[in-house]
Amino acid sequence: MIITILAFLGVLVVLILAHELGHFATAKASGVRVDEFGLGFPPRLLSVRRGETLYSLNAIPLGGFVKMAGEEDPKVPRSLASKSIGIRLLVLSAGSLMNVLLPFLLLSIAFMVPHNIAVGSVVVEEVVMNSPAARAGIESGDMLLKINGKPVHNTGDLSRYIQLNLGKEITLLVEHSDSTTEDIQVIPRWKPPEGQGAIGIMVSMPNPTIIRQHYPFWKAIPLGVSECIETLVLFKNAILSLFIGAIPFQVAGPVGIAQITGEVARAGISPLLEFAAFLSINLAIINIFPLPALDGGRIAFILLEWVRRGKRVSAKTEGLVHFIGFALLMAVIMVITYQDIIRIISGESLIP
């Protein structure tokens, strides 16, 4: 429980600070007055004033905020609303941009931190009839050596490379049971029959070896950049898979995310950093959705103003929409949190 709480709070603070610092820095650089920089939501626990800005630590650890002068009212001196459309879009999107950039750093650090990985031969145990693998000539007992020229060190590599290339032809370097090798082309399916997998094989990794691995920073940085780009592709593919019904829709609130964070933290610092990078990308995308009270909702009002050739929605109306949106968001979080608690009590986990 202590590991779960500490890991969750640590990850949450990093993600929130990165997001809010994006808003804060661009607002300050644009001449917008920042009245408060808050970590967590009120009631306020601690606060200190530096210059014109109050820095606060608040009781509800579900996010953070940068309170800028006149977010909807251009009449307020040095207000956000008085700035040009371009500057307002920059300030409001800077939080999500920071959450997209943060994973590059987190994943690079993850490669620098010593961590254990399992490596070994990936062997085909079973091939489903009429699957892409069966039609391509893959047989039980074959060893999978490479995908698109990249070595397959373990079953995780295999799964990742396949998920990165759903719907695209991939080349598998296969070693058959007679020790001959062959390049085989298959196209992973977006929506395979249940239990078959994208190409229709069941694999195992007999006699795995655990090795301790880490990289110097000049190698870790390009590896982190590459993995971050791949993570973005995996995220895109997961969203498309949700839309076509290939994977079930699952949602977790703060309690559920805390549970997952604790489980990942027990595997080590490197997996925790990778999970934090994944959460950061989630936060970036969710915040940019055009929903009231989120950054995307405020951006939507600015774009509406642009479409209407500078005609604004009244500050009172926009403020009311965001207030109602925030209240609904809190209600949804409470419902999801209740479901998370019930799931945890029943002993279930969101990690397969």
Protein backbone atom coordinates (compact mmCIF):
# COMPACT_ATOMS: atom_id res chain seq x y z
CA MET A 1 0.00 0.00 0.00
CA ILE A 2 2.82 2.44 0.86
CA ILE A 3 4.58 1.67 -2.43
CA THR A 4 1.32 2.23 -4.33
CA ILE A 5 0.61 5.57 -2.66
CA LEU A 6 4.15 6.92 -3.02
CA ALA A 7 4.50 5.76 -6.63
CA PHE A 8 1.09 7.17 -7.61
CA LEU A 9 1.72 10.54 -5.96
CA GLY A 10 5.21 10.74 -7.49
CA VAL A 11 3.94 10.03 -11.00
CA LEU A 12 0.96 12.35 -10.55
CA VAL A 13 3.11 15.27 -9.36
CA VAL A 14 5.51 14.90 -12.32
CA LEU A 15 2.69 14.78 -14.89
CA ILE A 16 0.73 17.67 -13.34
CA LEU A 17 3.78 19.88 -12.90
CA ALA A 18 4.84 19.34 -16.51
CA HIS A 19 1.34 20.16 -17.74
CA GLU A 20 0.81 23.24 -15.61
CA LEU A 21 4.34 24.54 -16.21
CA GLY A 22 3.49 24.57 -19.90
CA HIS A 23 0.54 26.89 -19.25
CA PHE A 24 2.48 28.93 -16.69
CA ALA A 25 5.59 29.54 -18.81
CA THR A 26 3.70 30.49 -21.98
CA ALA A 27 1.31 32.74 -20.03
CA LYS A 28 4.19 34.58 -18.35
CA ALA A 29 6.08 34.88 -21.64
CA SER A 30 2.95 36.31 -23.28
CA GLY A 31 2.41 38.96 -20.60
CA VAL A 32 -0.64 37.29 -19.06
CA ARG A 33 -0.97 37.79 -15.30
CA VAL A 34 -0.93 34.48 -13.42
CA ASP A 35 -2.85 34.80 -10.15
CA GLU A 36 -2.30 31.27 -8.84
CA PHE A 37 -0.31 28.14 -9.66
CA GLY A 38 -2.00 25.25 -7.87
CA LEU A 39 -1.04 21.61 -7.38
CA GLY A 40 -4.22 19.65 -6.62
CA PHE A 41 -7.68 21.13 -6.28
CA PRO A 42 -9.03 23.17 -3.29
CA PRO A 43 -9.44 23.29 -0.36
CA ARG A 44 -6.02 24.88 -0.01
CA LEU A 45 -3.50 23.31 2.37
CA LEU A 46 -0.41 25.48 1.94
CA SER A 47 0.40 28.58 -0.07
CA VAL A 48 3.18 31.08 -0.63
CA ARG A 49 3.17 34.26 -2.69
CA ARG A 50 6.04 35.19 -4.97
CA GLY A 51 5.48 38.44 -6.80
CA GLU A 52 1.99 38.54 -8.29
CA THR A 53 1.48 34.77 -8.22
CA LEU A 54 0.24 32.60 -5.36
CA TYR A 55 1.71 29.07 -5.34
CA SER A 56 -0.58 26.60 -3.57
CA LEU A 57 -0.73 22.97 -2.49
CA ASN A 58 -4.32 21.73 -2.35
CA ALA A 59 -6.13 18.83 -0.75
CA ILE A 60 -7.67 16.97 -3.71
CA PRO A 61 -4.86 15.27 -5.69
CA LEU A 62 -6.75 14.96 -8.98
CA GLY A 63 -4.91 17.55 -11.03
CA GLY A 64 -3.68 21.09 -10.90
CA PHE A 65 -4.41 24.51 -12.31
CA VAL A 66 -2.94 27.81 -13.46
CA LYS A 67 -5.40 30.59 -12.67
CA MET A 68 -4.85 33.36 -15.19
CA ALA A 69 -6.38 36.82 -15.09
CA GLY A 70 -9.53 37.18 -17.16
CA GLU A 71 -9.59 33.77 -18.80
CA GLU A 72 -12.96 34.64 -20.37
CA ASP A 73 -13.13 38.43 -19.85
CA PRO A 74 -10.95 40.65 -22.09
CA LYS A 75 -11.73 43.72 -19.96
CA VAL A 76 -9.51 42.49 -17.11
CA PRO A 77 -6.00 44.06 -17.21
CA ARG A 78 -3.32 41.71 -18.62
CA SER A 79 -5.97 39.05 -19.12
CA LEU A 80 -5.67 35.93 -21.21
CA ALA A 81 -8.87 36.82 -23.05
CA SER A 82 -7.37 40.16 -24.17
CA LYS A 83 -4.59 38.43 -26.11
CA SER A 84 -4.70 37.45 -29.78
CA ILE A 85 -6.27 34.18 -30.86
CA GLY A 86 -2.82 32.74 -31.64
CA ILE A 87 -1.41 33.50 -28.18
CA ARG A 88 -4.50 32.13 -26.43
CA LEU A 89 -4.29 28.91 -28.44
CA LEU A 90 -0.60 28.60 -27.57
CA VAL A 91 -1.14 29.14 -23.84
CA LEU A 92 -4.05 26.71 -23.65
CA SER A 93 -2.39 23.97 -25.72
CA ALA A 94 1.01 24.29 -24.01
CA GLY A 95 0.00 21.93 -21.18
CA SER A 96 -0.82 19.07 -23.56
CA LEU A 97 2.30 19.84 -25.58
CA MET A 98 4.42 19.45 -22.44
CA ASN A 99 2.74 16.10 -21.73
CA VAL A 100 3.66 14.96 -25.24
CA LEU A 101 7.29 16.08 -24.81
CA LEU A 102 7.70 14.67 -21.27
CA PRO A 103 7.69 11.00 -22.40
CA PHE A 104 10.81 11.63 -24.50
CA LEU A 105 12.64 12.48 -21.26
CA LEU A 106 11.02 9.75 -19.15
CA LEU A 107 11.71 6.98 -21.66
CA SER A 108 15.31 8.14 -22.14
CA ILE A 109 15.83 7.96 -18.36
CA ALA A 110 14.17 4.52 -18.34
CA PHE A 111 16.87 3.24 -20.71
CA MET A 112 19.62 4.71 -18.50
CA VAL A 113 18.31 3.09 -15.29
CA PRO A 114 19.61 -0.48 -14.77
CA HIS A 115 16.72 -2.91 -15.22
CA ASN A 116 16.12 -6.62 -15.71
CA ILE A 117 14.76 -8.01 -18.96
CA ALA A 118 14.01 -11.58 -20.01
CA VAL A 119 15.56 -12.69 -23.29
CA GLY A 120 15.40 -15.97 -25.13
CA SER A 121 14.18 -17.80 -28.20
CA VAL A 122 10.58 -17.10 -29.25
CA VAL A 123 9.11 -20.38 -30.50
CA VAL A 124 5.79 -20.96 -32.26
CA GLU A 125 3.77 -23.48 -30.25
CA GLU A 126 0.57 -23.45 -32.28
CA VAL A 127 -0.68 -22.01 -35.58
CA VAL A 128 -4.40 -21.32 -36.03
CA MET A 129 -5.89 -22.79 -39.21
CA ASN A 130 -6.65 -20.29 -42.00
CA SER A 131 -4.89 -17.49 -40.09
CA PRO A 132 -2.38 -15.15 -41.79
CA ALA A 133 0.47 -17.16 -40.24
CA ALA A 134 -0.91 -20.48 -41.50
CA ARG A 135 -1.44 -19.13 -45.01
CA ALA A 136 2.10 -17.71 -45.04
CA GLY A 137 3.60 -21.10 -44.13
CA ILE A 138 4.57 -20.61 -40.49
CA GLU A 139 4.56 -23.93 -38.64
CA SER A 140 4.63 -25.15 -35.07
CA GLY A 141 8.24 -25.35 -33.84
CA ASP A 142 9.43 -22.42 -35.95
CA MET A 143 11.63 -19.86 -34.21
CA LEU A 144 10.92 -16.14 -34.82
CA LEU A 145 14.21 -14.26 -35.18
CA LYS A 146 13.36 -10.82 -36.60
CA ILE A 147 10.44 -8.62 -37.63
CA ASN A 148 11.17 -6.08 -40.35
CA GLY A 149 14.87 -6.50 -39.62
CA LYS A 150 14.51 -5.89 -35.86
CA PRO A 151 15.66 -8.71 -33.55
CA VAL A 152 12.98 -10.44 -31.48
CA HIS A 153 14.51 -10.87 -28.03
CA ASN A 154 11.34 -11.94 -26.21
CA THR A 155 7.57 -12.30 -26.58
CA GLY A 156 7.14 -8.64 -25.60
CA ASP A 157 9.16 -7.56 -28.65
CA LEU A 158 7.02 -9.80 -30.86
CA SER A 159 3.75 -8.38 -29.53
CA ARG A 160 4.98 -4.77 -29.77
CA TYR A 161 6.21 -5.05 -33.36
CA ILE A 162 2.99 -6.72 -34.46
CA GLN A 163 0.79 -4.11 -32.77
CA LEU A 164 2.85 -1.33 -34.38
CA ASN A 165 2.07 -2.74 -37.82
CA LEU A 166 -1.60 -3.70 -37.74
CA GLY A 167 -2.99 -3.82 -41.26
CA LYS A 168 0.50 -3.54 -42.80
CA GLU A 169 2.65 -6.25 -44.35
CA ILE A 170 5.53 -7.29 -42.11
CA THR A 171 8.49 -9.55 -42.84
CA LEU A 172 9.26 -12.29 -40.34
CA LEU A 173 12.66 -13.98 -40.37
CA VAL A 174 11.81 -17.54 -39.34
CA GLU A 175 14.09 -20.45 -38.50
CA HIS A 176 12.38 -23.75 -39.26
CA SER A 177 12.88 -26.96 -37.32
CA ASP A 178 15.38 -28.16 -39.99
CA SER A 179 17.57 -25.07 -39.18
CA THR A 180 16.81 -23.36 -42.50
CA THR A 181 15.76 -19.71 -42.39
CA GLU A 182 13.12 -17.95 -44.46
CA ASP A 183 11.65 -14.47 -44.82
CA ILE A 184 7.87 -14.72 -44.55
CA GLN A 185 5.39 -11.91 -45.20
CA VAL A 186 2.18 -11.61 -43.18
CA ILE A 187 -0.37 -8.86 -42.54
CA PRO A 188 -1.48 -8.59 -38.86
CA ARG A 189 -5.27 -8.29 -38.57
CA TRP A 190 -6.99 -5.34 -36.91
CA LYS A 191 -9.86 -7.49 -35.63
CA PRO A 192 -8.90 -11.16 -35.37
CA PRO A 193 -11.27 -13.81 -34.00
CA GLU A 194 -11.18 -13.99 -30.22
CA GLY A 195 -8.16 -15.79 -28.83
CA GLN A 196 -6.26 -15.98 -32.14
CA GLY A 197 -4.08 -12.89 -32.01
CA ALA A 198 -3.29 -10.60 -34.92
CA ILE A 199 -1.44 -13.19 -37.04
CA GLY A 200 -2.83 -16.39 -35.51
CA ILE A 201 0.02 -17.94 -33.54
CA MET A 202 0.64 -19.00 -29.96
CA VAL A 203 4.24 -18.60 -28.83
CA SER A 204 6.43 -19.47 -25.88
CA MET A 205 9.89 -18.55 -24.65
CA PRO A 206 11.50 -21.70 -23.24
CA ASN A 207 14.57 -21.28 -21.05
CA PRO A 208 14.51 -17.47 -20.78
CA THR A 209 17.58 -15.67 -19.42
CA ILE A 210 17.33 -12.62 -17.15
CA ILE A 211 19.90 -9.96 -17.97
CA ARG A 212 20.67 -6.61 -16.33
CA GLN A 213 20.64 -3.83 -18.89
CA HIS A 214 21.19 -0.08 -19.12
CA TYR A 215 22.56 2.39 -21.67
CA PRO A 216 24.76 5.51 -21.52
CA PHE A 217 22.87 8.74 -22.15
CA TRP A 218 24.13 9.14 -25.74
CA LYS A 219 22.47 5.81 -26.60
CA ALA A 220 19.51 6.13 -24.23
CA ILE A 221 18.27 9.42 -25.71
CA PRO A 222 17.77 8.16 -29.29
CA LEU A 223 16.30 4.92 -27.92
CA GLY A 224 13.91 6.95 -25.77
CA VAL A 225 12.88 9.10 -28.74
CA SER A 226 12.29 6.02 -30.87
CA GLU A 227 10.24 4.31 -28.16
CA CYS A 228 8.18 7.45 -27.57
CA ILE A 229 7.28 7.64 -31.26
CA GLU A 230 6.37 3.95 -31.21
CA THR A 231 4.24 4.52 -28.09
CA LEU A 232 2.32 7.25 -29.90
CA VAL A 233 1.69 4.83 -32.78
CA LEU A 234 0.56 2.12 -30.34
CA PHE A 235 -1.77 4.63 -28.68
CA LYS A 236 -3.24 5.58 -32.06
CA ASN A 237 -3.73 1.91 -32.97
CA ALA A 238 -5.37 1.20 -29.60
CA ILE A 239 -7.88 4.03 -30.15
CA LEU A 240 -8.71 2.71 -33.64
CA SER A 241 -9.07 -0.81 -32.21
CA LEU A 242 -11.56 0.55 -29.67
CA PHE A 243 -13.64 2.17 -32.41
CA ILE A 244 -13.86 -1.02 -34.46
CA GLY A 245 -14.57 -3.15 -31.38
CA ALA A 246 -11.33 -5.16 -31.57
CA ILE A 247 -10.52 -4.55 -27.90
CA PRO A 248 -12.88 -3.94 -24.96
CA PHE A 249 -13.36 -0.43 -23.62
CA GLN A 250 -11.86 -0.02 -20.15
CA VAL A 251 -11.63 3.12 -18.10
CA ALA A 252 -9.90 3.80 -14.79
CA GLY A 253 -10.24 6.70 -12.39
CA PRO A 254 -7.68 7.92 -9.84
CA VAL A 255 -8.07 4.82 -7.65
CA GLY A 256 -7.70 2.46 -10.61
CA ILE A 257 -4.66 4.32 -11.92
CA ALA A 258 -3.14 4.24 -8.42
CA GLN A 259 -3.64 0.46 -8.31
CA ILE A 260 -1.94 -0.02 -11.70
CA THR A 261 0.88 2.36 -10.73
CA GLY A 262 1.57 0.34 -7.59
CA GLU A 263 1.64 -2.93 -9.54
CA VAL A 264 4.02 -1.46 -12.14
CA ALA A 265 6.22 0.13 -9.44
CA ARG A 266 6.87 -3.30 -7.93
CA ALA A 267 8.51 -4.30 -11.24
CA GLY A 268 11.10 -1.51 -10.89
CA ILE A 269 11.86 2.12 -11.67
CA SER A 270 12.29 1.59 -15.42
CA PRO A 271 8.79 0.08 -15.95
CA LEU A 272 7.36 2.84 -13.74
CA LEU A 273 8.94 5.52 -15.95
CA GLU A 274 7.53 3.80 -19.04
CA PHE A 275 4.08 3.73 -17.47
CA ALA A 276 4.38 7.40 -16.50
CA ALA A 277 5.22 8.19 -20.14
CA PHE A 278 2.10 6.32 -21.26
CA LEU A 279 -0.03 8.22 -18.73
CA SER A 280 1.46 11.52 -19.90
CA ILE A 281 0.36 10.83 -23.47
CA ASN A 282 -3.11 9.90 -22.16
CA LEU A 283 -3.30 13.16 -20.24
CA ALA A 284 -2.24 15.17 -23.29
CA ILE A 285 -4.92 13.63 -25.50
CA ILE A 286 -7.73 13.77 -22.93
CA ASN A 287 -7.01 17.42 -22.11
CA ILE A 288 -7.18 18.45 -25.73
CA PHE A 289 -10.66 16.93 -26.20
CA PRO A 290 -13.25 19.71 -26.79
CA LEU A 291 -14.97 19.15 -23.45
CA PRO A 292 -16.04 22.01 -21.15
CA ALA A 293 -13.60 22.77 -18.30
CA LEU A 294 -10.72 21.03 -20.10
CA ASP A 295 -8.14 22.84 -22.20
CA GLY A 296 -9.79 21.52 -25.32
CA GLY A 297 -13.11 23.04 -24.26
CA ARG A 298 -11.53 26.48 -23.91
CA ILE A 299 -9.76 26.04 -27.23
CA ALA A 300 -13.12 25.20 -28.81
CA PHE A 301 -14.51 28.58 -27.72
CA ILE A 302 -11.49 30.34 -29.26
CA LEU A 303 -11.93 28.48 -32.53
CA LEU A 304 -15.64 29.38 -32.47
CA GLU A 305 -14.63 33.01 -32.06
CA TRP A 306 -12.30 32.68 -35.05
CA VAL A 307 -15.05 31.09 -37.18
CA ARG A 308 -17.40 33.94 -36.18
CA ARG A 309 -14.76 36.48 -37.29
CA GLY A 310 -13.93 37.76 -33.82
CA LYS A 311 -17.39 37.62 -32.29
CA ARG A 312 -17.01 36.14 -28.80
CA VAL A 313 -19.36 34.13 -26.69
CA SER A 314 -20.08 36.23 -23.60
CA ALA A 315 -17.71 35.75 -20.66
CA LYS A 316 -20.67 34.87 -18.42
CA THR A 317 -21.93 32.16 -20.78
CA GLU A 318 -18.50 30.63 -21.32
CA GLY A 319 -17.76 30.65 -17.58
CA LEU A 320 -21.10 28.92 -16.88
CA VAL A 321 -20.39 26.23 -19.49
CA HIS A 322 -16.99 25.49 -17.97
CA PHE A 323 -18.43 25.42 -14.45
CA ILE A 324 -21.12 22.93 -15.45
CA GLY A 325 -18.53 20.90 -17.37
CA PHE A 326 -16.24 20.74 -14.35
CA ALA A 327 -19.10 19.62 -12.10
CA LEU A 328 -20.05 16.87 -14.56
CA LEU A 329 -16.41 15.82 -14.85
CA MET A 330 -16.14 15.46 -11.07
CA ALA A 331 -19.37 13.43 -11.05
CA VAL A 332 -18.02 11.07 -13.72
CA ILE A 333 -14.75 10.66 -11.81
CA MET A 334 -16.72 9.76 -8.66
CA VAL A 335 -18.71 7.10 -10.54
CA ILE A 336 -15.54 5.60 -12.07
CA THR A 337 -13.82 5.71 -8.68
CA TYR A 338 -16.71 3.77 -7.15
CA GLN A 339 -16.36 1.12 -9.88
CA ASP A 340 -12.59 0.99 -9.31
CA ILE A 341 -13.09 0.38 -5.58
CA ILE A 342 -15.60 -2.41 -6.23
CA ARG A 343 -13.21 -4.02 -8.72
CA ILE A 344 -10.28 -3.84 -6.28
CA ILE A 345 -12.37 -5.33 -3.46
CA SER A 346 -13.27 -8.22 -5.78
CA GLY A 347 -9.55 -8.82 -6.40
CA GLU A 348 -9.50 -7.84 -10.09
CA SER A 349 -6.81 -5.88 -11.91
CA LEU A 350 -6.78 -3.80 -15.07
CA ILE A 351 -3.39 -5.27 -16.00
CA PRO A 352 -3.95 -8.44 -18.05
